[in-house]
Amino acid sequence: MEKEAKFVSSEFLENFRESLKQMSSFSQEMCSYIETGITAPYLTKFAKNCNLLLTAITEWCEANLDFIENIDVLKEEELKKAFNSYCHMESYSETLRALEKAVYQRFPLKNAYHVFFHSVPLELYYPRICAAADKITQILTKIFFENCTFFEMGGEGQIAKEAKIIPMVMFGDSPYYQISTSTLEEKKQKIILFRADIPRCDVYRYRLWPLLAHEIAHVKLNKTVKAELRSPSELYISYPSEGQKLYEKLEGALTLEILNAYKNSDIFSNSYKNKPYQFYSPVAFHIDELLADIASASIFGLPSLFSLICIAGDPSFDLITRNALPTDHPPLSIRINTIKNYLKTLGGQSSYFTEALSDVEYDISSLEKTIYHFSAFEDLINSYNSAIESNFGEIIKFVNDYLISKPEINHPHLWTHYVSLYLNDQTNLNDACSKPIECFIRAWAKRWAVYKRLNDGGHNSFKQFISYHKHETKILGQLINDLNRM
């Protein structure tokens, strides 16, 4: 038995040793590549963060190699420790693969262009776009996580941990915006990598980047009030009890009211009667989606609403589902209406701001009635909206008091300012924005102003459409420059 245990342990340790050597070697190669590949000042912070992560990976590998060299295979505790490290290796390996992709997107080797790029202009401009996307992700992370203290569970309960969050953007083949996190050990602190995945098709569609705020809001919820989603080894944020109680109250009340809306609707009633438990699981996620939507809107204003409409596409997508069951996202119509009602509370007397909200309301209502036949879902939509309205004040309170640090930005004023300038051809596209969020408001204001002119008709409509594309390219360049200067 002892001989067999030795054989099994030796084989496992040998495989572990080889994997650690390969990871350590590749990590050091990546560090060398970054040191020789840096030429632009806007990539300095990215390179510094990469080196920090790669150094942490190398040190973790070397520490485990030293431990394996001196392990006693007959001691159960030492084998258990080695096995626990082996279980964590996949997280380190996955982080290393993500860093490889991020590095080659910003410092591409000549023979790697075909993997990431599709046109010569994109090859030349890609590093600057990546750096700008990193910058806005860093700013959003600060809005959500500034002054947060991280903890982990230990033998004596929760233990405060020094933690550094490193946001990093990757443009890839996934059609969705998403944030994944991984935690690495460093000598003095924990490092949490926020990997922000943006669809490759949105490299130039920077206007949709406000969707990152929605995804980061989910990370904040998962590390605070969503305790059931955390693994025992994951860092979390100790949350005020008032915030936890308010979330649980909203989750319970709103989920119940939404379930009743599905239960009493004409089109879902039979399915609900036969499969009630299959309704609860997806609907339980709806509160998180609505909170994330409001959080994003509180940061970006109208650009958050327009981005959601652009990325979601078909307003019937979340309603007409296989087997007549809801998805884990609220119907798009509900999400748009919720954000719109929130933005109305900010609007005041800002004419162009309220006019844009009215245009959204009219366009979506028209689509629902003429194309997607939403009359079949009218009872559900009305009941669902009533459920949100009855909890609306507490939803806003939770977002403002417990989910984000409220940004100091006047959305209606900035929107009206830029739309007015664009409609009167008085704006200078070379003027720099003073705040990163303002860059996106300016870009969407230009887009809305041009389409407003187009919809007004007249013989200059096509000229305005061409003008819109010309200016949009300029705004992209200005936004990239503004963000990389900040």
Protein backbone atom coordinates (compact mmCIF):
# COMPACT_ATOMS: atom_id res chain seq x y z
CA MET A 1 0.00 0.00 0.00
CA GLU A 2 2.83 2.35 0.93
CA LYS A 3 4.63 1.51 -2.34
CA GLU A 4 1.46 2.16 -4.35
CA ALA A 5 0.91 5.49 -2.59
CA LYS A 6 4.48 6.51 -3.40
CA PHE A 7 4.00 5.63 -7.08
CA VAL A 8 0.73 7.56 -7.39
CA SER A 9 2.18 10.56 -5.52
CA SER A 10 5.38 10.56 -7.59
CA GLU A 11 3.49 10.52 -10.89
CA PHE A 12 1.16 13.32 -9.77
CA LEU A 13 4.07 15.43 -8.48
CA GLU A 14 6.10 14.93 -11.65
CA ASN A 15 3.22 16.15 -13.80
CA PHE A 16 2.70 19.09 -11.44
CA ARG A 17 6.43 19.92 -11.56
CA GLU A 18 6.54 19.97 -15.36
CA SER A 19 3.48 22.21 -15.58
CA LEU A 20 4.96 24.65 -13.08
CA LYS A 21 8.26 24.80 -14.97
CA GLN A 22 6.50 25.53 -18.25
CA MET A 23 4.33 28.25 -16.70
CA SER A 24 7.30 29.88 -14.94
CA SER A 25 9.41 29.85 -18.09
CA PHE A 26 6.65 31.28 -20.28
CA SER A 27 5.82 33.95 -17.71
CA GLN A 28 9.43 35.13 -17.67
CA GLU A 29 9.52 35.17 -21.47
CA MET A 30 6.44 37.37 -21.49
CA CYS A 31 8.08 39.79 -19.04
CA SER A 32 11.11 40.06 -21.35
CA TYR A 33 8.87 40.63 -24.35
CA ILE A 34 7.03 43.47 -22.58
CA GLU A 35 10.30 45.14 -21.53
CA THR A 36 11.55 45.22 -25.12
CA GLY A 37 8.16 45.97 -26.72
CA ILE A 38 7.17 49.15 -24.84
CA THR A 39 7.54 52.29 -26.91
CA ALA A 40 4.39 54.32 -26.20
CA PRO A 41 3.79 56.19 -22.92
CA TYR A 42 0.05 55.33 -22.98
CA LEU A 43 0.99 51.64 -22.55
CA THR A 44 3.25 52.17 -19.55
CA LYS A 45 0.58 51.41 -16.95
CA PHE A 46 -0.54 48.30 -18.80
CA ALA A 47 3.06 47.05 -18.92
CA LYS A 48 3.51 47.73 -15.21
CA ASN A 49 0.31 45.82 -14.35
CA CYS A 50 1.32 42.94 -16.62
CA ASN A 51 4.72 42.67 -14.99
CA LEU A 52 3.09 42.64 -11.56
CA LEU A 53 0.77 39.79 -12.59
CA LEU A 54 3.48 37.84 -14.39
CA THR A 55 5.85 38.23 -11.43
CA ALA A 56 3.14 36.92 -9.10
CA ILE A 57 2.63 33.90 -11.38
CA THR A 58 6.39 33.23 -11.56
CA GLU A 59 6.82 33.52 -7.78
CA TRP A 60 3.87 31.19 -7.18
CA CYS A 61 5.33 28.61 -9.56
CA GLU A 62 8.83 28.85 -8.05
CA ALA A 63 7.50 28.58 -4.48
CA ASN A 64 5.57 25.43 -5.38
CA LEU A 65 8.58 23.97 -7.18
CA ASP A 66 10.68 24.47 -4.06
CA PHE A 67 8.00 22.82 -1.96
CA ILE A 68 7.72 19.81 -4.29
CA GLU A 69 11.48 19.27 -4.27
CA ASN A 70 11.43 18.74 -0.50
CA ILE A 71 8.06 17.08 -0.03
CA ASP A 72 7.63 13.92 1.99
CA VAL A 73 5.13 11.85 -0.02
CA LEU A 74 4.19 9.82 3.03
CA LYS A 75 2.97 12.85 4.93
CA GLU A 76 -0.71 13.38 4.22
CA GLU A 77 -0.66 17.10 5.11
CA GLU A 78 2.11 17.84 2.63
CA LEU A 79 0.39 15.88 -0.12
CA LYS A 80 -2.85 17.70 0.65
CA LYS A 81 -1.07 21.05 0.40
CA ALA A 82 0.44 20.04 -2.95
CA PHE A 83 -2.95 18.92 -4.23
CA ASN A 84 -4.57 22.21 -3.15
CA SER A 85 -1.90 24.13 -5.06
CA TYR A 86 -2.48 21.89 -8.07
CA CYS A 87 -6.20 22.75 -7.94
CA HIS A 88 -5.32 26.46 -8.02
CA MET A 89 -2.96 26.01 -10.97
CA GLU A 90 -5.76 26.23 -13.55
CA SER A 91 -6.63 29.74 -12.33
CA TYR A 92 -2.99 30.83 -12.73
CA SER A 93 -2.72 29.11 -16.09
CA GLU A 94 -5.91 30.76 -17.33
CA THR A 95 -4.63 34.16 -16.18
CA LEU A 96 -1.38 33.55 -18.05
CA ARG A 97 -3.27 32.72 -21.25
CA ALA A 98 -5.37 35.88 -20.87
CA LEU A 99 -2.24 37.99 -20.37
CA GLU A 100 -0.67 36.46 -23.47
CA LYS A 101 -3.69 37.53 -25.51
CA ALA A 102 -3.74 41.01 -23.95
CA VAL A 103 -0.03 41.54 -24.55
CA TYR A 104 -0.13 40.47 -28.18
CA GLN A 105 -3.14 42.71 -28.81
CA ARG A 106 -1.13 45.69 -27.60
CA PHE A 107 2.36 44.69 -28.81
CA PRO A 108 1.62 42.37 -31.74
CA LEU A 109 4.38 40.31 -33.26
CA LYS A 110 4.45 40.58 -37.04
CA ASN A 111 3.57 36.93 -37.45
CA ALA A 112 0.66 37.23 -35.01
CA TYR A 113 -1.29 39.90 -36.89
CA HIS A 114 -3.55 37.43 -38.65
CA VAL A 115 -4.74 36.06 -35.30
CA PHE A 116 -6.07 39.34 -33.95
CA PHE A 117 -6.42 41.82 -36.78
CA HIS A 118 -8.29 42.10 -40.05
CA SER A 119 -7.13 45.35 -41.66
CA VAL A 120 -4.01 47.47 -41.82
CA PRO A 121 -5.57 50.59 -40.16
CA LEU A 122 -6.76 48.43 -37.26
CA GLU A 123 -3.30 46.90 -36.83
CA LEU A 124 -1.79 50.34 -36.52
CA TYR A 125 -4.46 51.79 -34.21
CA TYR A 126 -5.29 48.74 -32.10
CA PRO A 127 -2.83 49.34 -29.21
CA ARG A 128 -4.22 52.87 -28.67
CA ILE A 129 -7.81 51.58 -28.66
CA CYS A 130 -6.87 48.86 -26.16
CA ALA A 131 -5.20 51.43 -23.92
CA ALA A 132 -8.29 53.67 -24.05
CA ALA A 133 -10.57 50.72 -23.22
CA ASP A 134 -8.28 49.87 -20.29
CA LYS A 135 -8.57 53.45 -19.07
CA ILE A 136 -12.38 53.57 -19.05
CA THR A 137 -12.47 50.16 -17.34
CA GLN A 138 -10.07 51.43 -14.67
CA ILE A 139 -12.26 54.49 -14.10
CA LEU A 140 -15.43 52.37 -13.81
CA THR A 141 -13.71 49.98 -11.42
CA LYS A 142 -12.76 52.92 -9.23
CA ILE A 143 -16.37 54.17 -9.23
CA PHE A 144 -17.63 50.81 -7.99
CA PHE A 145 -14.80 49.67 -5.72
CA GLU A 146 -13.12 52.77 -4.30
CA ASN A 147 -12.60 52.52 -0.52
CA CYS A 148 -13.75 48.86 -0.46
CA THR A 149 -11.97 46.50 1.95
CA PHE A 150 -11.55 42.89 0.88
CA PHE A 151 -11.74 39.89 3.17
CA GLU A 152 -11.24 36.15 2.96
CA MET A 153 -12.48 33.42 5.28
CA GLY A 154 -9.82 31.88 7.52
CA GLY A 155 -9.72 29.55 10.50
CA GLU A 156 -10.63 32.42 12.81
CA GLY A 157 -13.35 33.95 10.66
CA GLN A 158 -12.99 36.79 8.19
CA ILE A 159 -9.51 38.21 7.64
CA ALA A 160 -8.87 41.60 6.04
CA LYS A 161 -6.60 41.40 2.99
CA GLU A 162 -4.65 44.00 1.08
CA ALA A 163 -5.93 43.68 -2.48
CA LYS A 164 -5.09 45.44 -5.72
CA ILE A 165 -7.63 45.37 -8.55
CA ILE A 166 -6.16 45.33 -12.06
CA PRO A 167 -8.73 45.83 -14.84
CA MET A 168 -7.66 44.69 -18.31
CA VAL A 169 -9.62 44.66 -21.57
CA MET A 170 -9.52 41.88 -24.14
CA PHE A 171 -11.22 42.12 -27.53
CA GLY A 172 -12.35 38.65 -28.52
CA ASP A 173 -14.81 36.46 -30.36
CA SER A 174 -17.49 36.33 -27.65
CA PRO A 175 -20.65 38.21 -28.72
CA TYR A 176 -21.19 39.43 -25.15
CA TYR A 177 -19.71 41.99 -22.79
CA GLN A 178 -18.59 40.19 -19.65
CA ILE A 179 -16.23 40.53 -16.68
CA SER A 180 -14.42 37.54 -15.18
CA THR A 181 -12.19 37.75 -12.11
CA SER A 182 -9.24 35.73 -10.87
CA THR A 183 -7.21 36.18 -7.68
CA LEU A 184 -3.44 35.74 -7.49
CA GLU A 185 -1.12 35.64 -4.48
CA GLU A 186 1.63 38.22 -4.25
CA LYS A 187 4.14 38.63 -1.41
CA LYS A 188 2.44 41.60 0.23
CA GLN A 189 -1.07 41.51 -1.17
CA LYS A 190 -3.70 39.76 -3.24
CA ILE A 191 -4.10 40.75 -6.87
CA ILE A 192 -7.56 40.59 -8.44
CA LEU A 193 -7.54 40.60 -12.23
CA PHE A 194 -10.72 42.02 -13.76
CA ARG A 195 -10.74 40.63 -17.29
CA ALA A 196 -13.18 42.71 -19.32
CA ASP A 197 -14.18 40.96 -22.55
CA ILE A 198 -15.49 43.18 -25.34
CA PRO A 199 -16.70 41.71 -28.66
CA ARG A 200 -14.11 42.25 -31.37
CA CYS A 201 -16.76 43.88 -33.56
CA ASP A 202 -16.99 46.72 -31.02
CA VAL A 203 -13.35 47.79 -31.37
CA TYR A 204 -14.55 50.81 -33.35
CA ARG A 205 -18.03 50.93 -31.79
CA TYR A 206 -16.67 52.64 -28.70
CA ARG A 207 -20.13 54.11 -28.05
CA LEU A 208 -21.16 50.70 -26.69
CA TRP A 209 -18.40 50.55 -24.08
CA PRO A 210 -20.75 51.98 -21.40
CA LEU A 211 -22.08 48.40 -21.23
CA LEU A 212 -18.94 47.62 -19.20
CA ALA A 213 -20.48 49.54 -16.28
CA HIS A 214 -23.39 47.08 -16.23
CA GLU A 215 -21.00 44.11 -16.08
CA ILE A 216 -18.81 45.63 -13.34
CA ALA A 217 -21.98 46.22 -11.31
CA HIS A 218 -22.56 42.45 -11.44
CA VAL A 219 -19.06 41.84 -10.07
CA LYS A 220 -19.78 44.25 -7.20
CA LEU A 221 -23.03 42.45 -6.39
CA ASN A 222 -21.32 39.05 -6.49
CA LYS A 223 -18.61 40.20 -4.09
CA THR A 224 -21.06 41.78 -1.65
CA VAL A 225 -24.68 40.69 -1.35
CA LYS A 226 -24.55 37.52 -3.50
CA ALA A 227 -22.85 35.32 -0.92
CA GLU A 228 -24.23 32.10 -2.40
CA LEU A 229 -22.22 32.65 -5.60
CA ARG A 230 -18.83 32.87 -3.86
CA SER A 231 -16.37 30.04 -3.43
CA PRO A 232 -14.79 29.69 0.06
CA SER A 233 -11.38 30.81 -1.25
CA GLU A 234 -12.69 33.93 -3.03
CA LEU A 235 -12.12 37.44 -1.72
CA TYR A 236 -15.25 39.35 -0.86
CA ILE A 237 -16.26 42.76 0.48
CA SER A 238 -17.72 43.10 3.95
CA TYR A 239 -21.00 44.89 3.38
CA PRO A 240 -23.06 47.24 5.59
CA SER A 241 -25.91 45.27 7.15
CA GLU A 242 -28.37 47.97 6.00
CA GLY A 243 -27.33 47.38 2.39
CA GLN A 244 -27.62 43.61 2.75
CA LYS A 245 -31.07 43.92 4.28
CA LEU A 246 -32.28 46.33 1.60
CA TYR A 247 -31.05 44.01 -1.15
CA GLU A 248 -32.72 40.97 0.41
CA LYS A 249 -35.93 42.93 0.82
CA LEU A 250 -35.86 44.01 -2.83
CA GLU A 251 -34.91 40.56 -4.03
CA GLY A 252 -37.74 38.91 -2.11
CA ALA A 253 -40.47 41.44 -2.85
CA LEU A 254 -39.65 42.12 -6.49
CA THR A 255 -39.07 38.46 -7.38
CA LEU A 256 -42.43 37.52 -5.89
CA GLU A 257 -44.26 40.31 -7.73
CA ILE A 258 -42.55 39.44 -11.04
CA LEU A 259 -43.45 35.77 -10.60
CA ASN A 260 -47.05 36.79 -10.05
CA ALA A 261 -46.91 38.85 -13.26
CA TYR A 262 -45.86 35.74 -15.22
CA LYS A 263 -48.32 33.56 -13.33
CA ASN A 264 -51.28 35.82 -14.16
CA SER A 265 -50.35 36.59 -17.76
CA ASP A 266 -52.46 35.09 -20.53
CA ILE A 267 -49.53 33.68 -22.46
CA PHE A 268 -47.51 32.26 -19.54
CA SER A 269 -50.23 31.12 -17.14
CA ASN A 270 -50.41 27.50 -18.36
CA SER A 271 -46.64 27.09 -18.44
CA TYR A 272 -46.37 28.55 -14.94
CA LYS A 273 -49.04 26.20 -13.63
CA ASN A 274 -47.13 23.18 -14.99
CA LYS A 275 -43.56 24.35 -14.26
CA PRO A 276 -43.59 26.90 -11.40
CA TYR A 277 -40.06 26.06 -10.21
CA GLN A 278 -38.64 26.56 -13.68
CA PHE A 279 -39.86 30.16 -13.49
CA TYR A 280 -38.28 31.00 -10.13
CA SER A 281 -34.68 30.21 -11.07
CA PRO A 282 -34.35 32.68 -14.01
CA VAL A 283 -36.61 35.37 -12.51
CA ALA A 284 -34.46 35.46 -9.36
CA PHE A 285 -31.71 37.05 -11.47
CA HIS A 286 -33.92 39.85 -12.77
CA ILE A 287 -33.33 42.12 -9.77
CA ASP A 288 -29.56 42.03 -10.37
CA GLU A 289 -30.01 42.96 -14.03
CA LEU A 290 -32.23 45.91 -13.15
CA LEU A 291 -29.83 47.14 -10.45
CA ALA A 292 -26.90 46.88 -12.90
CA ASP A 293 -28.88 48.77 -15.54
CA ILE A 294 -29.65 51.62 -13.14
CA ALA A 295 -26.03 51.73 -11.94
CA SER A 296 -24.80 52.05 -15.52
CA ALA A 297 -27.37 54.75 -16.27
CA SER A 298 -26.39 56.71 -13.17
CA ILE A 299 -22.82 56.84 -14.50
CA PHE A 300 -23.34 57.42 -18.23
CA GLY A 301 -26.89 58.72 -18.54
CA LEU A 302 -28.47 58.43 -22.01
CA PRO A 303 -25.45 56.62 -23.58
CA SER A 304 -26.15 53.69 -21.26
CA LEU A 305 -29.73 53.45 -22.52
CA PHE A 306 -28.76 53.80 -26.19
CA SER A 307 -25.99 51.20 -25.82
CA LEU A 308 -28.43 48.69 -24.34
CA ILE A 309 -30.86 49.21 -27.22
CA CYS A 310 -28.08 48.76 -29.80
CA ILE A 311 -26.61 45.61 -28.29
CA ALA A 312 -29.89 43.90 -27.43
CA GLY A 313 -31.48 44.32 -30.83
CA ASP A 314 -34.80 42.45 -30.99
CA PRO A 315 -37.10 43.74 -28.20
CA SER A 316 -38.92 40.41 -28.17
CA PHE A 317 -35.78 38.39 -27.54
CA ASP A 318 -36.22 37.99 -23.79
CA LEU A 319 -39.95 37.31 -23.96
CA ILE A 320 -40.48 34.70 -26.65
CA THR A 321 -38.42 31.80 -25.32
CA ARG A 322 -38.29 28.08 -25.85
CA ASN A 323 -40.95 26.19 -23.88
CA ALA A 324 -42.55 29.54 -22.95
CA LEU A 325 -40.15 30.04 -20.03
CA PRO A 326 -38.53 33.38 -19.12
CA THR A 327 -34.77 33.89 -19.44
CA ASP A 328 -32.53 35.14 -16.64
CA HIS A 329 -32.80 38.69 -18.06
CA PRO A 330 -35.91 40.87 -17.80
CA PRO A 331 -37.71 41.59 -21.08
CA LEU A 332 -35.87 44.30 -22.98
CA SER A 333 -38.98 46.47 -22.96
CA ILE A 334 -38.94 46.38 -19.14
CA ARG A 335 -35.25 47.23 -18.93
CA ILE A 336 -35.59 50.18 -21.31
CA ASN A 337 -38.63 51.50 -19.45
CA THR A 338 -36.85 51.20 -16.07
CA ILE A 339 -33.77 53.09 -17.24
CA LYS A 340 -35.94 55.68 -18.98
CA ASN A 341 -37.96 56.31 -15.81
CA TYR A 342 -34.74 56.67 -13.83
CA LEU A 343 -33.30 59.16 -16.32
CA LYS A 344 -36.54 61.17 -16.18
CA THR A 345 -35.80 61.80 -12.50
CA LEU A 346 -32.54 63.50 -13.61
CA GLY A 347 -33.97 65.42 -16.58
CA GLY A 348 -35.29 68.60 -15.03
CA GLN A 349 -35.93 71.25 -17.68
CA SER A 350 -33.32 69.98 -20.12
CA SER A 351 -35.24 70.04 -23.41
CA TYR A 352 -32.95 67.93 -25.61
CA PHE A 353 -32.52 65.39 -22.82
CA THR A 354 -36.26 64.88 -22.32
CA GLU A 355 -36.78 64.98 -26.09
CA ALA A 356 -34.32 62.11 -26.54
CA LEU A 357 -36.16 60.09 -23.90
CA SER A 358 -39.45 60.75 -25.71
CA ASP A 359 -37.91 59.58 -28.99
CA VAL A 360 -36.80 56.34 -27.33
CA GLU A 361 -40.26 55.82 -25.87
CA TYR A 362 -41.95 56.42 -29.23
CA ASP A 363 -39.57 54.22 -31.26
CA ILE A 364 -39.72 51.26 -28.88
CA SER A 365 -43.52 51.54 -28.56
CA SER A 366 -43.80 51.57 -32.34
CA LEU A 367 -41.64 48.46 -32.69
CA GLU A 368 -43.60 46.63 -30.02
CA LYS A 369 -46.95 47.35 -31.68
CA THR A 370 -46.13 47.01 -35.36
CA ILE A 371 -43.36 44.41 -35.63
CA TYR A 372 -43.18 42.27 -32.51
CA HIS A 373 -46.90 42.10 -31.69
CA PHE A 374 -46.43 42.93 -28.03
CA SER A 375 -50.17 43.17 -27.52
CA ALA A 376 -49.98 39.46 -26.61
CA PHE A 377 -47.71 40.39 -23.70
CA GLU A 378 -49.45 43.59 -22.65
CA ASP A 379 -50.80 42.21 -19.36
CA LEU A 380 -47.36 40.85 -18.41
CA ILE A 381 -45.56 44.10 -19.30
CA ASN A 382 -48.04 46.20 -17.33
CA SER A 383 -47.88 43.98 -14.25
CA TYR A 384 -44.09 43.79 -14.43
CA ASN A 385 -43.75 47.58 -14.71
CA SER A 386 -46.12 48.01 -11.75
CA ALA A 387 -43.94 45.70 -9.67
CA ILE A 388 -40.87 47.82 -10.44
CA GLU A 389 -42.68 51.10 -9.81
CA SER A 390 -43.83 49.95 -6.39
CA ASN A 391 -40.18 49.27 -5.43
CA PHE A 392 -38.56 52.02 -7.51
CA GLY A 393 -37.52 54.29 -4.66
CA GLU A 394 -35.72 51.50 -2.85
CA ILE A 395 -34.03 50.34 -6.08
CA ILE A 396 -32.60 53.85 -6.60
CA LYS A 397 -31.57 54.06 -2.93
CA PHE A 398 -29.67 50.77 -3.11
CA VAL A 399 -27.81 51.81 -6.26
CA ASN A 400 -26.88 55.27 -4.97
CA ASP A 401 -26.05 54.30 -1.38
CA TYR A 402 -24.58 50.81 -1.66
CA LEU A 403 -23.62 49.93 -5.24
CA ILE A 404 -21.63 52.90 -6.57
CA SER A 405 -19.91 56.06 -5.47
CA LYS A 406 -22.25 58.53 -7.14
CA PRO A 407 -20.35 60.24 -10.00
CA GLU A 408 -20.32 64.02 -10.01
CA ILE A 409 -21.70 64.54 -13.50
CA ASN A 410 -24.74 66.41 -14.77
CA HIS A 411 -26.00 64.19 -17.61
CA PRO A 412 -28.90 66.40 -18.79
CA HIS A 413 -26.77 69.54 -18.86
CA LEU A 414 -23.93 67.92 -20.83
CA TRP A 415 -26.33 66.21 -23.24
CA THR A 416 -28.17 69.45 -23.99
CA HIS A 417 -24.88 71.33 -24.29
CA TYR A 418 -23.42 69.00 -26.92
CA VAL A 419 -26.63 68.44 -28.89
CA SER A 420 -27.18 72.17 -29.08
CA LEU A 421 -23.64 72.72 -30.36
CA TYR A 422 -23.89 69.94 -32.94
CA LEU A 423 -27.29 71.05 -34.26
CA ASN A 424 -25.94 74.57 -34.71
CA ASP A 425 -22.57 73.43 -36.10
CA GLN A 426 -20.76 75.32 -33.36
CA THR A 427 -18.69 72.53 -31.83
CA ASN A 428 -14.98 72.06 -32.31
CA LEU A 429 -14.20 68.35 -32.43
CA ASN A 430 -10.61 69.08 -31.41
CA ASP A 431 -11.74 70.33 -27.98
CA ALA A 432 -10.72 67.77 -25.37
CA CYS A 433 -13.20 66.38 -22.84
CA SER A 434 -12.30 67.06 -19.23
CA LYS A 435 -13.78 63.80 -17.89
CA PRO A 436 -13.79 60.30 -19.42
CA ILE A 437 -17.54 59.79 -19.02
CA GLU A 438 -18.15 63.06 -20.85
CA CYS A 439 -16.40 61.59 -23.92
CA PHE A 440 -19.19 59.05 -24.37
CA ILE A 441 -21.94 61.62 -23.81
CA ARG A 442 -20.37 63.76 -26.53
CA ALA A 443 -20.17 60.81 -28.96
CA TRP A 444 -23.80 59.77 -28.45
CA ALA A 445 -25.00 63.39 -28.56
CA LYS A 446 -23.40 63.75 -32.00
CA ARG A 447 -25.03 60.51 -33.18
CA TRP A 448 -28.47 61.59 -31.92
CA ALA A 449 -28.15 65.09 -33.38
CA VAL A 450 -27.34 63.74 -36.84
CA TYR A 451 -30.23 61.30 -36.84
CA LYS A 452 -32.52 64.04 -35.62
CA ARG A 453 -31.59 66.05 -38.71
CA LEU A 454 -32.05 63.02 -40.93
CA ASN A 455 -35.52 62.37 -39.52
CA ASP A 456 -36.47 65.99 -40.09
CA GLY A 457 -36.01 65.31 -43.82
CA GLY A 458 -34.96 67.84 -46.41
CA HIS A 459 -32.55 67.73 -49.36
CA ASN A 460 -29.52 67.85 -47.05
CA SER A 461 -30.35 64.57 -45.27
CA PHE A 462 -27.88 62.44 -47.20
CA LYS A 463 -25.21 65.09 -46.76
CA GLN A 464 -25.84 64.99 -43.02
CA PHE A 465 -25.56 61.19 -43.03
CA ILE A 466 -22.15 61.36 -44.75
CA SER A 467 -21.16 64.12 -42.36
CA TYR A 468 -22.14 61.87 -39.45
CA HIS A 469 -19.68 59.13 -40.52
CA LYS A 470 -16.91 61.65 -41.08
CA HIS A 471 -17.42 63.20 -37.65
CA GLU A 472 -17.78 59.84 -35.94
CA THR A 473 -14.28 58.84 -37.09
CA LYS A 474 -12.98 62.13 -35.72
CA ILE A 475 -14.77 61.57 -32.42
CA LEU A 476 -13.24 58.08 -32.15
CA GLY A 477 -9.78 59.54 -32.60
CA GLN A 478 -10.48 62.32 -30.11
CA LEU A 479 -11.94 59.93 -27.55
CA ILE A 480 -8.89 57.64 -27.82
CA ASN A 481 -6.55 60.61 -27.45
CA ASP A 482 -8.52 62.08 -24.52
CA LEU A 483 -8.63 58.81 -22.60
CA ASN A 484 -4.95 58.05 -23.19
CA ARG A 485 -4.01 61.51 -21.90
CA MET A 486 -5.96 61.08 -18.63
